[in-house]
Amino acid sequence: MRITFSETEQGIRVVEAFEAEDELSAEQQRQGWQRILKHF
């Protein structure tokens, strides 16, 4: 998992990047990471 933060004119841009694993679908993993990010 890699998270980058960059400042823009509209605020802070947050980008999540990850390599999918084999146990769960990429979409399930994306949703899981999105839930984590919402708790920041």
N, C-alpha and C. Protein backbone atom coordinates (compact mmCIF):
# COMPACT_ATOMS: atom_id res chain seq x y z
N MET A 1 0.84 -1.17 0.00
CA MET A 1 0.00 0.00 0.00
C MET A 1 0.88 1.22 0.00
N ARG A 2 0.56 2.16 -0.87
CA ARG A 2 1.26 3.44 -0.92
C ARG A 2 0.20 4.53 -0.94
N ILE A 3 0.35 5.52 -0.07
CA ILE A 3 -0.56 6.66 -0.02
C ILE A 3 0.27 7.91 -0.22
N THR A 4 -0.16 8.75 -1.16
CA THR A 4 0.53 10.03 -1.36
C THR A 4 -0.46 11.17 -1.15
N PHE A 5 0.05 12.24 -0.58
CA PHE A 5 -0.73 13.44 -0.32
C PHE A 5 -0.06 14.58 -1.09
N SER A 6 -0.85 15.35 -1.81
CA SER A 6 -0.29 16.50 -2.50
C SER A 6 -1.26 17.67 -2.39
N GLU A 7 -0.70 18.85 -2.27
CA GLU A 7 -1.51 20.05 -2.13
C GLU A 7 -1.96 20.53 -3.50
N THR A 8 -3.23 20.89 -3.62
CA THR A 8 -3.79 21.46 -4.85
C THR A 8 -4.49 22.76 -4.50
N GLU A 9 -4.93 23.48 -5.50
CA GLU A 9 -5.66 24.71 -5.25
C GLU A 9 -6.99 24.44 -4.53
N GLN A 10 -7.56 23.25 -4.73
CA GLN A 10 -8.83 22.90 -4.10
C GLN A 10 -8.67 22.28 -2.72
N GLY A 11 -7.47 21.92 -2.33
CA GLY A 11 -7.24 21.28 -1.03
C GLY A 11 -6.14 20.25 -1.14
N ILE A 12 -6.29 19.15 -0.42
CA ILE A 12 -5.30 18.08 -0.41
C ILE A 12 -5.81 16.93 -1.26
N ARG A 13 -4.97 16.44 -2.14
CA ARG A 13 -5.30 15.28 -2.97
C ARG A 13 -4.64 14.06 -2.34
N VAL A 14 -5.43 13.00 -2.13
CA VAL A 14 -4.95 11.76 -1.54
C VAL A 14 -5.08 10.67 -2.60
N VAL A 15 -3.96 9.96 -2.86
CA VAL A 15 -3.97 8.87 -3.84
C VAL A 15 -3.52 7.60 -3.15
N GLU A 16 -4.33 6.54 -3.29
CA GLU A 16 -3.99 5.22 -2.76
C GLU A 16 -3.58 4.33 -3.92
N ALA A 17 -2.51 3.58 -3.74
CA ALA A 17 -2.08 2.61 -4.75
C ALA A 17 -1.70 1.32 -4.03
N PHE A 18 -2.12 0.19 -4.59
CA PHE A 18 -1.78 -1.09 -3.98
C PHE A 18 -1.71 -2.16 -5.05
N GLU A 19 -1.00 -3.22 -4.72
CA GLU A 19 -0.97 -4.39 -5.58
C GLU A 19 -1.96 -5.39 -5.02
N ALA A 20 -2.89 -5.82 -5.84
CA ALA A 20 -3.93 -6.74 -5.39
C ALA A 20 -3.32 -8.09 -5.02
N GLU A 21 -3.91 -8.71 -4.01
CA GLU A 21 -3.49 -10.06 -3.62
C GLU A 21 -4.43 -11.07 -4.27
N ASP A 22 -4.18 -12.34 -4.05
CA ASP A 22 -4.96 -13.39 -4.70
C ASP A 22 -6.21 -13.82 -3.93
N GLU A 23 -6.28 -13.54 -2.63
CA GLU A 23 -7.37 -14.06 -1.81
C GLU A 23 -8.70 -13.35 -2.05
N LEU A 24 -8.68 -12.06 -2.23
CA LEU A 24 -9.90 -11.27 -2.46
C LEU A 24 -9.80 -10.60 -3.81
N SER A 25 -10.95 -10.27 -4.40
CA SER A 25 -10.92 -9.57 -5.69
C SER A 25 -10.32 -8.18 -5.50
N ALA A 26 -9.83 -7.62 -6.58
CA ALA A 26 -9.25 -6.27 -6.53
C ALA A 26 -10.29 -5.27 -6.05
N GLU A 27 -11.54 -5.45 -6.46
CA GLU A 27 -12.61 -4.53 -6.04
C GLU A 27 -12.87 -4.63 -4.53
N GLN A 28 -12.88 -5.83 -3.98
CA GLN A 28 -13.06 -6.00 -2.54
C GLN A 28 -11.92 -5.34 -1.78
N GLN A 29 -10.71 -5.49 -2.28
CA GLN A 29 -9.56 -4.88 -1.63
C GLN A 29 -9.64 -3.36 -1.72
N ARG A 30 -10.04 -2.84 -2.88
CA ARG A 30 -10.18 -1.40 -3.04
C ARG A 30 -11.19 -0.85 -2.05
N GLN A 31 -12.32 -1.53 -1.90
CA GLN A 31 -13.35 -1.09 -0.97
C GLN A 31 -12.83 -1.11 0.47
N GLY A 32 -12.06 -2.13 0.82
CA GLY A 32 -11.49 -2.20 2.16
C GLY A 32 -10.54 -1.04 2.44
N TRP A 33 -9.65 -0.75 1.49
CA TRP A 33 -8.73 0.37 1.67
C TRP A 33 -9.49 1.69 1.70
N GLN A 34 -10.58 1.80 0.93
CA GLN A 34 -11.38 3.03 0.93
C GLN A 34 -12.01 3.24 2.30
N ARG A 35 -12.50 2.17 2.93
CA ARG A 35 -13.07 2.29 4.28
C ARG A 35 -12.02 2.76 5.27
N ILE A 36 -10.80 2.23 5.15
CA ILE A 36 -9.71 2.66 6.03
C ILE A 36 -9.43 4.14 5.84
N LEU A 37 -9.36 4.57 4.60
CA LEU A 37 -9.07 5.99 4.31
C LEU A 37 -10.15 6.90 4.88
N LYS A 38 -11.40 6.49 4.83
CA LYS A 38 -12.49 7.33 5.35
C LYS A 38 -12.37 7.55 6.86
N HIS A 39 -11.66 6.64 7.55
CA HIS A 39 -11.49 6.79 8.99
C HIS A 39 -10.33 7.72 9.36
N PHE A 40 -9.57 8.19 8.39
CA PHE A 40 -8.45 9.10 8.69
C PHE A 40 -8.98 10.38 9.20
